[in-house]
Amino acid sequence: MKIVSVAFHPLLMATYLSYVLFVKSPELFPRVVPQAIPQFILVIFITTCLMPALSIFLLRTFSFISNLELTKRSERIRPFIFIAFYYAASSYLFADKLEMGPVFMAVMIGVSALIILLLIITTWFKISIHTAAICSGFGFVSALTITMGVNIGWYFYALIIAAGLTASSRLYLGYHKPQEVWSGAILGFAYSFLIILIIF
């Protein structure tokens, strides 16, 4: 179950979701030529996963946090601030410099706002970030399917299975209680689903 938590780590969700949307629904990104997709995915990975992960590692190195899994609610504040900063910076980069289009920007800005919301919630409740992240991706895709007819094929069902496995892994590993996992799943899905419905 440990490998499931690592494979579907919240920091990887933006990369996964971007890859699926780029590959399965390229019409959402008319300014991006197919040959440039690998470079865009790499930039997304660096700005939304690698840089935040490096920041968390440095926090651990200098003993600001006791472990990389952020199992202590009180230690989540600094890492979340870093992550929110990187997502906000990424959103600005893609909007102002690369003009990625309204769908991608809605997802990026929506995720940035969700991170801030989770930061606020985590000050008093240890919500599951893993389930919030993967169910957020599921919410975005579900809403895009309804509003814009996006069809990601078998990835849709893979996402459902991945969400179930992720939730189960957090419980199995003892990192969260059931209410923390369910809260993350419901918030992640409902928030992202409604964001897309409202915008589009």
C-alpha atoms as a PDB file:
ATOM      1  CA  MET A   1       0.000   0.000   0.000  1.00  0.00           C
ATOM      2  CA  LYS A   2       2.960   2.312   0.511  1.00  0.00           C
ATOM      3  CA  ILE A   3       3.694   2.279  -3.208  1.00  0.00           C
ATOM      4  CA  VAL A   4       0.110   3.366  -3.935  1.00  0.00           C
ATOM      5  CA  SER A   5       0.503   6.427  -1.699  1.00  0.00           C
ATOM      6  CA  VAL A   6       3.748   7.304  -3.466  1.00  0.00           C
ATOM      7  CA  ALA A   7       2.435   6.662  -6.998  1.00  0.00           C
ATOM      8  CA  PHE A   8      -0.627   8.836  -6.388  1.00  0.00           C
ATOM      9  CA  HIS A   9       1.050  11.480  -4.271  1.00  0.00           C
ATOM     10  CA  PRO A  10      -0.788  14.828  -4.369  1.00  0.00           C
ATOM     11  CA  LEU A  11       2.202  16.569  -5.952  1.00  0.00           C
ATOM     12  CA  LEU A  12       1.947  14.266  -8.979  1.00  0.00           C
ATOM     13  CA  MET A  13      -1.737  14.921  -9.679  1.00  0.00           C
ATOM     14  CA  ALA A  14      -1.209  18.048 -11.794  1.00  0.00           C
ATOM     15  CA  THR A  15       1.275  16.176 -13.986  1.00  0.00           C
ATOM     16  CA  TYR A  16      -1.021  13.171 -14.401  1.00  0.00           C
ATOM     17  CA  LEU A  17      -4.096  15.267 -15.150  1.00  0.00           C
ATOM     18  CA  SER A  18      -2.231  17.490 -17.604  1.00  0.00           C
ATOM     19  CA  TYR A  19      -0.865  14.470 -19.433  1.00  0.00           C
ATOM     20  CA  VAL A  20      -4.286  12.856 -19.780  1.00  0.00           C
ATOM     21  CA  LEU A  21      -5.955  16.058 -20.994  1.00  0.00           C
ATOM     22  CA  PHE A  22      -3.146  16.879 -23.427  1.00  0.00           C
ATOM     23  CA  VAL A  23      -3.144  13.376 -24.915  1.00  0.00           C
ATOM     24  CA  LYS A  24      -6.865  12.585 -24.936  1.00  0.00           C
ATOM     25  CA  SER A  25      -8.335  16.068 -25.519  1.00  0.00           C
ATOM     26  CA  PRO A  26      -5.761  18.123 -27.435  1.00  0.00           C
ATOM     27  CA  GLU A  27      -8.588  20.318 -28.779  1.00  0.00           C
ATOM     28  CA  LEU A  28      -8.645  21.997 -25.370  1.00  0.00           C
ATOM     29  CA  PHE A  29      -5.169  23.373 -26.099  1.00  0.00           C
ATOM     30  CA  PRO A  30      -5.260  24.776 -29.650  1.00  0.00           C
ATOM     31  CA  ARG A  31      -2.043  26.759 -29.176  1.00  0.00           C
ATOM     32  CA  VAL A  32      -0.009  23.703 -28.207  1.00  0.00           C
ATOM     33  CA  VAL A  33       1.407  21.639 -31.054  1.00  0.00           C
ATOM     34  CA  PRO A  34       1.653  17.883 -30.369  1.00  0.00           C
ATOM     35  CA  GLN A  35       5.439  17.971 -30.617  1.00  0.00           C
ATOM     36  CA  ALA A  36       5.594  20.411 -27.685  1.00  0.00           C
ATOM     37  CA  ILE A  37       3.462  18.338 -25.306  1.00  0.00           C
ATOM     38  CA  PRO A  38       6.425  16.513 -23.655  1.00  0.00           C
ATOM     39  CA  GLN A  39       8.074  19.849 -22.880  1.00  0.00           C
ATOM     40  CA  PHE A  40       4.872  21.230 -21.360  1.00  0.00           C
ATOM     41  CA  ILE A  41       4.418  18.131 -19.228  1.00  0.00           C
ATOM     42  CA  LEU A  42       8.024  18.455 -18.055  1.00  0.00           C
ATOM     43  CA  VAL A  43       7.508  22.102 -17.083  1.00  0.00           C
ATOM     44  CA  ILE A  44       4.343  21.178 -15.184  1.00  0.00           C
ATOM     45  CA  PHE A  45       6.194  18.366 -13.390  1.00  0.00           C
ATOM     46  CA  ILE A  46       9.070  20.654 -12.406  1.00  0.00           C
ATOM     47  CA  THR A  47       6.909  23.538 -11.159  1.00  0.00           C
ATOM     48  CA  THR A  48       4.124  21.576  -9.422  1.00  0.00           C
ATOM     49  CA  CYS A  49       5.964  18.484  -8.204  1.00  0.00           C
ATOM     50  CA  LEU A  50       9.753  18.648  -8.242  1.00  0.00           C
ATOM     51  CA  MET A  51      10.179  22.139  -6.782  1.00  0.00           C
ATOM     52  CA  PRO A  52       7.578  21.666  -4.001  1.00  0.00           C
ATOM     53  CA  ALA A  53       9.067  18.234  -3.202  1.00  0.00           C
ATOM     54  CA  LEU A  54      12.525  19.769  -2.968  1.00  0.00           C
ATOM     55  CA  SER A  55      11.180  22.428  -0.608  1.00  0.00           C
ATOM     56  CA  ILE A  56       9.605  19.771   1.622  1.00  0.00           C
ATOM     57  CA  PHE A  57      12.871  17.826   1.594  1.00  0.00           C
ATOM     58  CA  LEU A  58      14.758  20.943   2.707  1.00  0.00           C
ATOM     59  CA  LEU A  59      12.234  21.514   5.488  1.00  0.00           C
ATOM     60  CA  ARG A  60      12.908  17.958   6.647  1.00  0.00           C
ATOM     61  CA  THR A  61      16.676  18.422   6.350  1.00  0.00           C
ATOM     62  CA  PHE A  62      16.556  21.481   8.607  1.00  0.00           C
ATOM     63  CA  SER A  63      14.133  19.755  11.025  1.00  0.00           C
ATOM     64  CA  PHE A  64      11.161  22.032  10.421  1.00  0.00           C
ATOM     65  CA  ILE A  65       9.134  18.850   9.862  1.00  0.00           C
ATOM     66  CA  SER A  66       9.676  15.414  11.397  1.00  0.00           C
ATOM     67  CA  ASN A  67       8.937  13.307   8.303  1.00  0.00           C
ATOM     68  CA  LEU A  68       8.275  13.660   4.586  1.00  0.00           C
ATOM     69  CA  GLU A  69       4.765  12.186   4.893  1.00  0.00           C
ATOM     70  CA  LEU A  70       3.639  15.214   6.948  1.00  0.00           C
ATOM     71  CA  THR A  71       1.761  12.939   9.329  1.00  0.00           C
ATOM     72  CA  LYS A  72       1.617  15.647  12.006  1.00  0.00           C
ATOM     73  CA  ARG A  73      -1.095  18.197  11.287  1.00  0.00           C
ATOM     74  CA  SER A  74       0.861  20.975  12.981  1.00  0.00           C
ATOM     75  CA  GLU A  75       3.780  20.485  10.582  1.00  0.00           C
ATOM     76  CA  ARG A  76       1.739  20.905   7.409  1.00  0.00           C
ATOM     77  CA  ILE A  77       1.554  24.709   7.432  1.00  0.00           C
ATOM     78  CA  ARG A  78       4.996  25.554   6.003  1.00  0.00           C
ATOM     79  CA  PRO A  79       4.924  22.878   3.274  1.00  0.00           C
ATOM     80  CA  PHE A  80       1.441  23.977   2.217  1.00  0.00           C
ATOM     81  CA  ILE A  81       2.570  27.582   1.946  1.00  0.00           C
ATOM     82  CA  PHE A  82       5.423  26.508  -0.346  1.00  0.00           C
ATOM     83  CA  ILE A  83       3.123  24.336  -2.452  1.00  0.00           C
ATOM     84  CA  ALA A  84       0.525  27.119  -2.770  1.00  0.00           C
ATOM     85  CA  PHE A  85       3.272  29.506  -3.873  1.00  0.00           C
ATOM     86  CA  TYR A  86       4.563  27.145  -6.568  1.00  0.00           C
ATOM     87  CA  TYR A  87       1.061  26.485  -7.920  1.00  0.00           C
ATOM     88  CA  ALA A  88       0.242  30.194  -7.985  1.00  0.00           C
ATOM     89  CA  ALA A  89       3.528  30.926  -9.755  1.00  0.00           C
ATOM     90  CA  SER A  90       2.835  28.127 -12.237  1.00  0.00           C
ATOM     91  CA  SER A  91      -0.638  29.502 -12.914  1.00  0.00           C
ATOM     92  CA  TYR A  92       0.841  32.929 -13.627  1.00  0.00           C
ATOM     93  CA  LEU A  93       3.506  31.435 -15.889  1.00  0.00           C
ATOM     94  CA  PHE A  94       1.012  29.463 -17.962  1.00  0.00           C
ATOM     95  CA  ALA A  95      -1.531  32.296 -18.143  1.00  0.00           C
ATOM     96  CA  ASP A  96       0.686  35.285 -18.800  1.00  0.00           C
ATOM     97  CA  LYS A  97       3.628  33.795 -20.680  1.00  0.00           C
ATOM     98  CA  LEU A  98       2.308  30.693 -22.437  1.00  0.00           C
ATOM     99  CA  GLU A  99      -1.415  31.482 -22.873  1.00  0.00           C
ATOM    100  CA  MET A 100      -2.516  27.899 -22.279  1.00  0.00           C
ATOM    101  CA  GLY A 101      -6.236  28.531 -22.674  1.00  0.00           C
ATOM    102  CA  PRO A 102      -9.254  28.801 -20.355  1.00  0.00           C
ATOM    103  CA  VAL A 103      -9.676  25.112 -19.459  1.00  0.00           C
ATOM    104  CA  PHE A 104      -6.098  24.563 -18.353  1.00  0.00           C
ATOM    105  CA  MET A 105      -6.095  27.866 -16.485  1.00  0.00           C
ATOM    106  CA  ALA A 106      -9.373  27.043 -14.724  1.00  0.00           C
ATOM    107  CA  VAL A 107      -7.826  23.791 -13.520  1.00  0.00           C
ATOM    108  CA  MET A 108      -4.540  25.379 -12.404  1.00  0.00           C
ATOM    109  CA  ILE A 109      -6.139  28.337 -10.629  1.00  0.00           C
ATOM    110  CA  GLY A 110      -8.771  26.032  -9.155  1.00  0.00           C
ATOM    111  CA  VAL A 111      -6.090  23.742  -7.735  1.00  0.00           C
ATOM    112  CA  SER A 112      -4.148  26.717  -6.362  1.00  0.00           C
ATOM    113  CA  ALA A 113      -7.268  27.915  -4.526  1.00  0.00           C
ATOM    114  CA  LEU A 114      -7.967  24.372  -3.301  1.00  0.00           C
ATOM    115  CA  ILE A 115      -4.484  24.174  -1.772  1.00  0.00           C
ATOM    116  CA  ILE A 116      -5.133  27.391   0.146  1.00  0.00           C
ATOM    117  CA  LEU A 117      -8.497  26.028   1.298  1.00  0.00           C
ATOM    118  CA  LEU A 118      -6.829  22.803   2.467  1.00  0.00           C
ATOM    119  CA  LEU A 119      -4.189  24.882   4.259  1.00  0.00           C
ATOM    120  CA  ILE A 120      -6.936  26.655   6.189  1.00  0.00           C
ATOM    121  CA  ILE A 121      -8.767  23.417   6.989  1.00  0.00           C
ATOM    122  CA  THR A 122      -5.611  21.631   8.108  1.00  0.00           C
ATOM    123  CA  THR A 123      -5.053  24.179  10.872  1.00  0.00           C
ATOM    124  CA  TRP A 124      -7.878  22.497  12.801  1.00  0.00           C
ATOM    125  CA  PHE A 125      -8.605  19.188  11.052  1.00  0.00           C
ATOM    126  CA  LYS A 126      -6.240  16.594   9.560  1.00  0.00           C
ATOM    127  CA  ILE A 127      -8.012  16.194   6.223  1.00  0.00           C
ATOM    128  CA  SER A 128      -6.540  13.663   3.777  1.00  0.00           C
ATOM    129  CA  ILE A 129      -4.636  15.575   1.130  1.00  0.00           C
ATOM    130  CA  HIS A 130      -4.079  12.417  -0.920  1.00  0.00           C
ATOM    131  CA  THR A 131      -7.789  11.750  -1.363  1.00  0.00           C
ATOM    132  CA  ALA A 132      -8.559  15.445  -1.814  1.00  0.00           C
ATOM    133  CA  ALA A 133      -6.010  15.645  -4.640  1.00  0.00           C
ATOM    134  CA  ILE A 134      -7.004  12.551  -6.592  1.00  0.00           C
ATOM    135  CA  CYS A 135     -10.729  13.160  -6.148  1.00  0.00           C
ATOM    136  CA  SER A 136     -10.156  16.738  -7.260  1.00  0.00           C
ATOM    137  CA  GLY A 137      -8.740  15.373 -10.511  1.00  0.00           C
ATOM    138  CA  PHE A 138     -11.755  13.099 -10.836  1.00  0.00           C
ATOM    139  CA  GLY A 139     -14.047  16.087 -10.205  1.00  0.00           C
ATOM    140  CA  PHE A 140     -12.371  18.179 -12.902  1.00  0.00           C
ATOM    141  CA  VAL A 141     -12.573  15.387 -15.476  1.00  0.00           C
ATOM    142  CA  SER A 142     -16.183  14.547 -14.613  1.00  0.00           C
ATOM    143  CA  ALA A 143     -17.264  18.175 -14.978  1.00  0.00           C
ATOM    144  CA  LEU A 144     -15.353  18.598 -18.256  1.00  0.00           C
ATOM    145  CA  THR A 145     -17.077  15.473 -19.564  1.00  0.00           C
ATOM    146  CA  ILE A 146     -20.474  17.018 -18.824  1.00  0.00           C
ATOM    147  CA  THR A 147     -19.802  20.598 -19.895  1.00  0.00           C
ATOM    148  CA  MET A 148     -17.448  20.132 -22.858  1.00  0.00           C
ATOM    149  CA  GLY A 149     -17.870  16.518 -23.878  1.00  0.00           C
ATOM    150  CA  VAL A 150     -14.301  15.634 -22.943  1.00  0.00           C
ATOM    151  CA  ASN A 151     -13.680  11.903 -23.357  1.00  0.00           C
ATOM    152  CA  ILE A 152     -10.525  10.510 -21.762  1.00  0.00           C
ATOM    153  CA  GLY A 153     -11.475   6.890 -22.451  1.00  0.00           C
ATOM    154  CA  TRP A 154     -10.218   4.194 -20.110  1.00  0.00           C
ATOM    155  CA  TYR A 155      -8.308   6.793 -18.076  1.00  0.00           C
ATOM    156  CA  PHE A 156     -11.648   7.769 -16.538  1.00  0.00           C
ATOM    157  CA  TYR A 157     -12.141   4.311 -15.031  1.00  0.00           C
ATOM    158  CA  ALA A 158      -8.476   4.103 -14.076  1.00  0.00           C
ATOM    159  CA  LEU A 159      -8.935   7.343 -12.153  1.00  0.00           C
ATOM    160  CA  ILE A 160     -11.859   5.883 -10.197  1.00  0.00           C
ATOM    161  CA  ILE A 161      -9.816   2.791  -9.296  1.00  0.00           C
ATOM    162  CA  ALA A 162      -6.808   4.928  -8.356  1.00  0.00           C
ATOM    163  CA  ALA A 163      -8.997   7.061  -6.069  1.00  0.00           C
ATOM    164  CA  GLY A 164     -10.286   3.944  -4.298  1.00  0.00           C
ATOM    165  CA  LEU A 165      -6.794   2.506  -3.912  1.00  0.00           C
ATOM    166  CA  THR A 166      -5.433   5.801  -2.615  1.00  0.00           C
ATOM    167  CA  ALA A 167      -8.168   6.151  -0.002  1.00  0.00           C
ATOM    168  CA  SER A 168      -7.656   2.544   1.084  1.00  0.00           C
ATOM    169  CA  SER A 169      -3.890   2.988   1.327  1.00  0.00           C
ATOM    170  CA  ARG A 170      -4.208   5.998   3.635  1.00  0.00           C
ATOM    171  CA  LEU A 171      -6.427   3.981   5.963  1.00  0.00           C
ATOM    172  CA  TYR A 172      -4.292   0.830   5.746  1.00  0.00           C
ATOM    173  CA  LEU A 173      -1.092   2.718   6.539  1.00  0.00           C
ATOM    174  CA  GLY A 174      -2.765   4.342   9.533  1.00  0.00           C
ATOM    175  CA  TYR A 175      -2.100   7.889   8.363  1.00  0.00           C
ATOM    176  CA  HIS A 176      -5.767   8.880   8.499  1.00  0.00           C
ATOM    177  CA  LYS A 177      -9.076   8.056  10.101  1.00  0.00           C
ATOM    178  CA  PRO A 178     -12.098   7.256   7.881  1.00  0.00           C
ATOM    179  CA  GLN A 179     -13.669  10.687   8.407  1.00  0.00           C
ATOM    180  CA  GLU A 180     -10.433  12.383   7.324  1.00  0.00           C
ATOM    181  CA  VAL A 181     -10.293  10.313   4.146  1.00  0.00           C
ATOM    182  CA  TRP A 182     -13.955  10.819   3.296  1.00  0.00           C
ATOM    183  CA  SER A 183     -13.735  14.541   4.012  1.00  0.00           C
ATOM    184  CA  GLY A 184     -10.821  14.875   1.609  1.00  0.00           C
ATOM    185  CA  ALA A 185     -12.575  12.851  -1.090  1.00  0.00           C
ATOM    186  CA  ILE A 186     -15.860  14.759  -0.867  1.00  0.00           C
ATOM    187  CA  LEU A 187     -14.243  18.185  -0.679  1.00  0.00           C
ATOM    188  CA  GLY A 188     -11.817  17.485  -3.532  1.00  0.00           C
ATOM    189  CA  PHE A 189     -14.487  16.165  -5.873  1.00  0.00           C
ATOM    190  CA  ALA A 190     -17.254  18.652  -5.043  1.00  0.00           C
ATOM    191  CA  TYR A 191     -14.991  21.694  -5.165  1.00  0.00           C
ATOM    192  CA  SER A 192     -13.382  20.845  -8.518  1.00  0.00           C
ATOM    193  CA  PHE A 193     -16.634  19.683 -10.088  1.00  0.00           C
ATOM    194  CA  LEU A 194     -18.417  22.908  -9.143  1.00  0.00           C
ATOM    195  CA  ILE A 195     -15.524  25.124 -10.264  1.00  0.00           C
ATOM    196  CA  ILE A 196     -15.794  23.786 -13.822  1.00  0.00           C
ATOM    197  CA  LEU A 197     -19.602  23.899 -13.851  1.00  0.00           C
ATOM    198  CA  ILE A 198     -19.581  27.510 -12.700  1.00  0.00           C
ATOM    199  CA  ILE A 199     -16.926  28.673 -15.181  1.00  0.00           C
ATOM    200  CA  PHE A 200     -18.069  26.713 -18.213  1.00  0.00           C
END
